[in-house]
Amino acid sequence: MSARLAHILRYPVKSIGGEELAEVSLTAGAPLPGDRRFAVLHAAALQHLDGEDLRRWLPKSAFVRGVAAAPLQAISGGWDGDHLVLSHPDLPLLRFDPLRDERALLDWLSPLWTPSGKAPAAKLVEAPQALTDVNHPWLSILSLSSLRDLEGRLGQPLGTRRWRANLWIDGWDAYAERDMQLHRIRIGQTVVLKLTERIGRCAATGVDTATGRADVDMPQALQDQFWHKDFGIYAEVQTGGTIRPGDEVEVL
């Protein structure tokens, strides 16, 4: 299968926005740099802090997240210098320094998160490791061929944003990644990734990222089509280096 890297994406704040990158340097045993560096802890999880700091990984239930508040899925944006710039179709643009002005973000998020009925958004935290959904230094890989096939099966456009993947590959057969668990791939000349486990999907992927409103029951749709709820696969960096969209992807 002839395939290439199509997109690289990073999510500086867990469940809140995201940005596309022109290149990234990966390190063996580490996630994509800066991915899920921050997250917004809700008030019911403040007991996990060590003083004012979060010193360990926590599961996604501790944070403000799209599965509990669909409007969050319509947030886009990322770094502009040392500030984050976020946009949402129902809110004014927000530009803030996450290291000095968490209150600006918490206030901005309030109308999106409060209707969830969950504990209030309470604190923007930075952890010593990426606050991804799994407690491993992995990144996520999805296939554009699989996406196109799923869109055809469901009869609607889905787009790439709702899946919050780090790397999108184009050129694989649809769903080939499902059978690559424990295989290795090389991206470009040097980077080698070991594919680790399939990604099970939650209801947040059923939200239209243009509107922040649900448009399909995605876990049920995947179950109906395939008898499971997986879409995409995690990967561990074994050999580091710089990758760019357009790089060849080879299954080793």
Protein backbone atom coordinates (compact mmCIF):
# COMPACT_ATOMS: atom_id res chain seq x y z
CA MET A 1 0.00 0.00 0.00
CA SER A 2 1.44 3.36 -1.07
CA ALA A 3 0.61 5.92 1.59
CA ARG A 4 1.63 9.37 2.77
CA LEU A 5 1.21 11.52 5.83
CA ALA A 6 -1.62 13.94 5.11
CA HIS A 7 -2.09 15.98 8.30
CA ILE A 8 -0.39 16.60 11.65
CA LEU A 9 -2.56 17.98 14.44
CA ARG A 10 -1.96 19.08 18.01
CA TYR A 11 -4.41 19.91 20.78
CA PRO A 12 -2.74 22.25 23.32
CA VAL A 13 -5.75 22.12 25.67
CA LYS A 14 -7.58 18.82 26.10
CA SER A 15 -11.03 18.88 24.43
CA ILE A 16 -10.67 22.59 23.63
CA GLY A 17 -9.52 23.58 20.14
CA GLY A 18 -6.72 22.23 18.00
CA GLU A 19 -4.21 23.28 15.37
CA GLU A 20 -2.60 21.84 12.24
CA LEU A 21 1.20 21.74 12.05
CA ALA A 22 3.51 22.02 9.05
CA GLU A 23 6.05 19.72 10.75
CA VAL A 24 6.83 18.19 14.10
CA SER A 25 9.86 16.58 15.71
CA LEU A 26 9.05 13.35 17.53
CA THR A 27 11.11 11.75 20.30
CA ALA A 28 11.27 8.03 21.10
CA GLY A 29 8.98 7.13 23.99
CA ALA A 30 7.26 10.53 24.02
CA PRO A 31 3.91 11.79 22.70
CA LEU A 32 3.53 14.49 20.08
CA PRO A 33 5.19 17.60 21.63
CA GLY A 34 2.73 19.97 23.30
CA ASP A 35 -0.27 17.71 22.73
CA ARG A 36 -2.83 17.91 25.56
CA ARG A 37 -0.31 19.93 27.55
CA PHE A 38 -3.15 21.67 29.39
CA ALA A 39 -6.63 20.64 30.48
CA VAL A 40 -9.47 22.27 32.41
CA LEU A 41 -10.16 20.51 35.70
CA HIS A 42 -13.74 20.68 36.95
CA ALA A 43 -14.59 21.49 40.56
CA ALA A 44 -15.40 17.89 41.52
CA ALA A 45 -11.82 16.86 40.71
CA LEU A 46 -9.90 19.58 42.54
CA GLN A 47 -8.92 17.08 45.26
CA HIS A 48 -6.41 15.60 42.81
CA LEU A 49 -4.26 18.72 42.97
CA ASP A 50 -1.05 18.81 44.98
CA GLY A 51 -1.37 22.32 46.29
CA GLU A 52 -1.97 24.35 43.14
CA ASP A 53 -0.41 21.81 40.79
CA LEU A 54 -1.41 18.62 38.99
CA ARG A 55 1.52 16.21 39.26
CA ARG A 56 0.09 13.09 37.62
CA TRP A 57 -2.10 11.86 34.78
CA LEU A 58 -5.85 11.75 35.39
CA PRO A 59 -8.64 10.10 33.37
CA LYS A 60 -10.80 12.27 31.13
CA SER A 61 -13.68 12.20 33.63
CA ALA A 62 -11.72 14.73 35.73
CA PHE A 63 -11.81 17.36 33.00
CA VAL A 64 -14.08 19.56 30.94
CA ARG A 65 -14.67 17.42 27.84
CA GLY A 66 -16.74 17.15 24.70
CA VAL A 67 -18.58 13.96 25.60
CA ALA A 68 -20.29 15.88 28.43
CA ALA A 69 -20.78 19.16 26.53
CA ALA A 70 -21.19 18.87 22.76
CA PRO A 71 -20.63 22.63 22.11
CA LEU A 72 -16.98 22.22 23.10
CA GLN A 73 -16.44 20.22 19.91
CA ALA A 74 -16.90 23.39 17.83
CA ILE A 75 -13.91 25.15 19.41
CA SER A 76 -10.90 25.57 17.14
CA GLY A 77 -7.55 27.28 17.48
CA GLY A 78 -4.07 26.98 18.89
CA TRP A 79 -0.86 28.87 19.56
CA ASP A 80 -0.08 32.37 18.33
CA GLY A 81 3.30 33.17 19.85
CA ASP A 82 2.98 32.68 23.60
CA HIS A 83 -0.81 33.08 23.55
CA LEU A 84 -3.59 30.68 22.63
CA VAL A 85 -6.27 31.94 20.25
CA LEU A 86 -9.60 30.09 20.34
CA SER A 87 -12.77 30.53 18.31
CA HIS A 88 -16.32 29.19 18.52
CA PRO A 89 -19.31 30.00 16.28
CA ASP A 90 -21.34 31.25 19.24
CA LEU A 91 -18.63 33.19 21.10
CA PRO A 92 -16.23 36.08 20.49
CA LEU A 93 -12.62 35.24 19.69
CA LEU A 94 -10.48 34.57 22.77
CA ARG A 95 -6.76 35.34 22.97
CA PHE A 96 -5.09 34.57 26.30
CA ASP A 97 -1.87 33.48 27.97
CA PRO A 98 -2.54 30.05 29.53
CA LEU A 99 0.30 30.47 32.04
CA ARG A 100 -1.02 33.76 33.42
CA ASP A 101 -4.70 34.20 32.61
CA GLU A 102 -6.71 31.05 33.23
CA ARG A 103 -9.72 33.12 34.32
CA ALA A 104 -10.20 34.42 30.77
CA LEU A 105 -10.54 30.84 29.52
CA LEU A 106 -12.81 29.70 32.35
CA ASP A 107 -15.18 32.62 31.82
CA TRP A 108 -15.19 32.07 28.05
CA LEU A 109 -15.99 28.37 28.47
CA SER A 110 -18.79 28.88 30.97
CA PRO A 111 -21.73 29.19 28.51
CA LEU A 112 -20.53 26.08 26.68
CA TRP A 113 -19.89 23.90 29.75
CA THR A 114 -22.50 25.01 32.29
CA PRO A 115 -25.48 23.44 30.41
CA SER A 116 -23.79 20.03 30.82
CA GLY A 117 -24.94 19.98 34.44
CA LYS A 118 -21.48 18.87 35.54
CA ALA A 119 -19.34 20.53 38.19
CA PRO A 120 -18.13 23.98 37.09
CA ALA A 121 -14.92 24.45 35.15
CA ALA A 122 -12.50 25.30 37.96
CA LYS A 123 -8.83 25.35 36.99
CA LEU A 124 -6.58 25.25 33.94
CA VAL A 125 -3.86 22.73 34.74
CA GLU A 126 -0.60 21.60 33.18
CA ALA A 127 0.62 18.08 33.94
CA PRO A 128 4.07 16.47 33.76
CA GLN A 129 2.78 14.24 30.95
CA ALA A 130 0.27 14.61 28.13
CA LEU A 131 -3.32 14.51 29.40
CA THR A 132 -4.49 12.15 26.67
CA ASP A 133 -7.29 9.62 27.20
CA VAL A 134 -4.76 6.82 27.82
CA ASN A 135 -2.03 6.77 30.44
CA HIS A 136 0.70 6.06 27.90
CA PRO A 137 3.02 8.36 25.88
CA TRP A 138 1.21 7.55 22.63
CA LEU A 139 -0.13 9.53 19.70
CA SER A 140 -3.16 8.69 17.57
CA ILE A 141 -3.24 7.72 13.89
CA LEU A 142 -6.29 7.71 11.62
CA SER A 143 -6.82 6.90 7.95
CA LEU A 144 -8.47 9.19 5.40
CA SER A 145 -9.47 6.11 3.38
CA SER A 146 -11.34 4.74 6.40
CA LEU A 147 -12.98 8.13 6.93
CA ARG A 148 -14.17 8.32 3.33
CA ASP A 149 -15.62 4.81 3.54
CA LEU A 150 -17.41 5.57 6.81
CA GLU A 151 -18.84 8.79 5.35
CA GLY A 152 -20.20 6.75 2.45
CA ARG A 153 -21.72 4.15 4.73
CA LEU A 154 -23.43 6.79 6.89
CA GLY A 155 -24.40 9.01 3.96
CA GLN A 156 -23.04 12.22 5.44
CA PRO A 157 -19.78 14.18 5.65
CA LEU A 158 -17.96 13.75 8.94
CA GLY A 159 -14.66 15.58 8.44
CA THR A 160 -11.44 15.10 10.34
CA ARG A 161 -11.90 17.45 13.29
CA ARG A 162 -14.36 15.42 15.37
CA TRP A 163 -11.85 12.57 15.76
CA ARG A 164 -9.08 14.70 17.32
CA ALA A 165 -6.32 12.59 15.77
CA ASN A 166 -2.62 13.52 15.74
CA LEU A 167 -1.72 12.00 12.36
CA TRP A 168 -3.88 11.34 9.31
CA ILE A 169 -2.59 8.88 6.71
CA ASP A 170 -3.80 8.80 3.11
CA GLY A 171 -3.36 5.84 0.79
CA TRP A 172 -4.00 2.84 3.02
CA ASP A 173 -6.88 0.52 2.17
CA ALA A 174 -9.95 1.42 4.22
CA TYR A 175 -9.62 0.03 7.77
CA ALA A 176 -6.22 -1.54 7.06
CA GLU A 177 -5.00 0.06 10.30
CA ARG A 178 -7.25 -2.26 12.31
CA ASP A 179 -5.06 -5.21 11.39
CA MET A 180 -1.75 -3.39 11.97
CA GLN A 181 -1.80 -3.69 15.76
CA LEU A 182 1.78 -4.37 16.95
CA HIS A 183 3.12 -3.64 13.45
CA ARG A 184 5.61 -0.84 12.84
CA ILE A 185 5.45 1.96 10.28
CA ARG A 186 8.11 4.36 9.06
CA ILE A 187 7.23 7.97 8.23
CA GLY A 188 9.75 9.77 6.04
CA GLN A 189 13.34 8.64 6.30
CA THR A 190 13.79 8.00 10.02
CA VAL A 191 10.68 8.05 12.21
CA VAL A 192 9.42 4.62 13.26
CA LEU A 193 6.16 4.10 15.15
CA LYS A 194 4.83 0.91 16.72
CA LEU A 195 1.05 0.65 16.43
CA THR A 196 -0.23 -0.35 19.86
CA GLU A 197 -4.01 -0.60 20.25
CA ARG A 198 -7.22 0.42 18.54
CA ILE A 199 -9.09 3.52 19.65
CA GLY A 200 -12.58 3.01 21.03
CA ARG A 201 -14.89 5.93 20.34
CA CYS A 202 -17.23 7.89 22.62
CA ALA A 203 -20.25 10.07 21.89
CA ALA A 204 -18.12 13.20 21.38
CA THR A 205 -17.32 11.96 17.87
CA GLY A 206 -21.03 12.24 17.02
CA VAL A 207 -20.90 16.05 17.13
CA ASP A 208 -20.67 18.31 14.07
CA THR A 209 -17.61 20.45 14.75
CA ALA A 210 -18.99 23.34 12.68
CA THR A 211 -22.01 23.78 14.98
CA GLY A 212 -21.28 21.96 18.23
CA ARG A 213 -24.47 19.93 17.84
CA ALA A 214 -24.85 16.16 17.63
CA ASP A 215 -25.57 14.85 14.15
CA VAL A 216 -25.09 11.07 14.59
CA ASP A 217 -24.80 8.51 17.38
CA MET A 218 -21.27 7.56 16.37
CA PRO A 219 -20.59 4.74 18.84
CA GLN A 220 -23.85 3.08 17.78
CA ALA A 221 -23.15 3.71 14.09
CA LEU A 222 -19.74 2.05 14.39
CA GLN A 223 -21.29 -0.85 16.30
CA ASP A 224 -23.97 -1.28 13.64
CA GLN A 225 -21.42 -1.24 10.81
CA PHE A 226 -18.56 -3.24 12.32
CA TRP A 227 -19.69 -4.87 15.58
CA HIS A 228 -17.25 -2.70 17.54
CA LYS A 229 -16.72 0.99 18.32
CA ASP A 230 -13.10 1.36 17.18
CA PHE A 231 -11.86 3.98 14.74
CA GLY A 232 -8.14 4.65 14.48
CA ILE A 233 -5.13 3.29 16.33
CA TYR A 234 -2.62 4.49 18.90
CA ALA A 235 1.12 4.46 18.25
CA GLU A 236 4.34 4.66 20.23
CA VAL A 237 7.37 6.49 18.84
CA GLN A 238 10.29 4.06 18.65
CA THR A 239 12.69 6.12 16.52
CA GLY A 240 12.41 9.91 16.58
CA GLY A 241 12.89 12.55 13.94
CA THR A 242 11.02 15.25 12.05
CA ILE A 243 7.94 14.48 9.96
CA ARG A 244 5.98 16.64 7.53
CA PRO A 245 2.78 16.26 5.51
CA GLY A 246 3.65 14.53 2.25
CA ASP A 247 6.17 12.17 3.83
CA GLU A 248 5.91 8.57 2.64
CA VAL A 249 4.47 6.06 5.10
CA GLU A 250 5.82 2.52 4.88
CA VAL A 251 4.57 -0.53 6.78
CA LEU A 252 7.64 -2.42 8.04
